[in-house]
Amino acid sequence: MLDQHNQLLFQGRDYSRRSYFEAVEKQTLLPLPGQHYQLRSFSFGKVHPNGPANHEHLGSATCCSRRTNTIIPYPTT
């Protein structure tokens, strides 16, 4: 059923999804990376004055990026 859908011509065009993919998009695809993608999450907040942070970040808005037990803080603008 999906193959039939991909073979249908676009309205007002002389090509289908499949033929457009084969002619244009397929040659631009890159191989998959050798390592797995690591999920990343972001959180926003302010650094508490009593928190374990460098003094230049105290009280400022910051964004943290977490990826596999690594926390990377950086200031937001």
Protein backbone atom coordinates (compact mmCIF):
# COMPACT_ATOMS: atom_id res chain seq x y z
CA MET A 1 0.00 0.00 0.00
CA LEU A 2 2.83 2.42 0.83
CA ASP A 3 4.62 1.54 -2.39
CA GLN A 4 1.44 2.28 -4.36
CA HIS A 5 1.16 5.65 -2.60
CA ASN A 6 4.79 6.52 -3.40
CA GLN A 7 4.27 5.65 -7.07
CA LEU A 8 1.28 8.00 -7.50
CA LEU A 9 2.06 11.14 -9.50
CA PHE A 10 1.86 14.46 -7.67
CA GLN A 11 -1.07 16.64 -8.72
CA GLY A 12 0.00 18.86 -11.60
CA ARG A 13 3.43 17.18 -11.81
CA ASP A 14 4.85 14.44 -13.98
CA TYR A 15 6.74 12.69 -11.16
CA SER A 16 5.96 10.70 -8.02
CA ARG A 17 7.48 10.68 -4.54
CA ARG A 18 9.51 7.61 -5.47
CA SER A 19 10.84 8.99 -8.77
CA TYR A 20 11.74 12.32 -7.13
CA PHE A 21 13.58 10.50 -4.35
CA GLU A 22 15.49 8.33 -6.83
CA ALA A 23 16.39 11.27 -9.11
CA VAL A 24 17.20 14.00 -6.57
CA GLU A 25 17.32 13.03 -2.91
CA LYS A 26 18.97 9.59 -2.89
CA GLN A 27 22.33 10.86 -4.16
CA THR A 28 22.56 13.43 -1.34
CA LEU A 29 22.15 10.88 1.48
CA LEU A 30 25.19 10.26 3.66
CA PRO A 31 26.09 6.96 5.35
CA LEU A 32 24.93 6.48 8.93
CA PRO A 33 27.49 7.46 11.60
CA GLY A 34 29.63 4.72 13.12
CA GLN A 35 28.60 5.49 16.70
CA HIS A 36 25.17 5.67 18.28
CA TYR A 37 23.44 9.02 18.70
CA GLN A 38 23.47 10.22 22.31
CA LEU A 39 20.32 11.86 23.61
CA ARG A 40 20.80 15.31 25.03
CA SER A 41 18.54 17.29 27.32
CA PHE A 42 18.61 20.96 28.18
CA SER A 43 17.48 22.74 31.33
CA PHE A 44 17.36 26.43 32.14
CA GLY A 45 17.63 28.13 35.51
CA LYS A 46 19.65 30.42 37.75
CA VAL A 47 22.75 29.49 39.68
CA HIS A 48 22.00 29.61 43.42
CA PRO A 49 24.44 31.66 45.52
CA ASN A 50 25.12 28.63 47.75
CA GLY A 51 25.54 26.27 44.81
CA PRO A 52 28.76 24.62 43.68
CA ALA A 53 29.62 26.95 40.78
CA ASN A 54 32.26 29.47 39.81
CA HIS A 55 31.66 32.91 41.27
CA GLU A 56 31.12 34.55 37.86
CA HIS A 57 27.98 32.42 37.30
CA LEU A 58 26.28 33.09 40.67
CA GLY A 59 22.79 34.55 40.28
CA SER A 60 22.98 34.52 36.49
CA ALA A 61 20.67 32.71 34.13
CA THR A 62 22.26 29.62 32.70
CA CYS A 63 21.52 26.68 30.48
CA CYS A 64 22.75 23.17 31.17
CA SER A 65 23.22 20.48 28.58
CA ARG A 66 23.24 16.88 29.81
CA ARG A 67 24.64 14.02 27.79
CA THR A 68 25.62 10.65 29.30
CA ASN A 69 26.46 11.88 32.82
CA THR A 70 28.25 15.01 31.57
CA ILE A 71 26.78 18.37 32.54
CA ILE A 72 27.95 21.34 30.50
CA PRO A 73 26.80 24.74 31.92
CA TYR A 74 26.96 27.82 29.76
CA PRO A 75 25.47 31.31 30.21
CA THR A 76 22.33 32.28 28.32
CA THR A 77 21.96 35.61 26.60
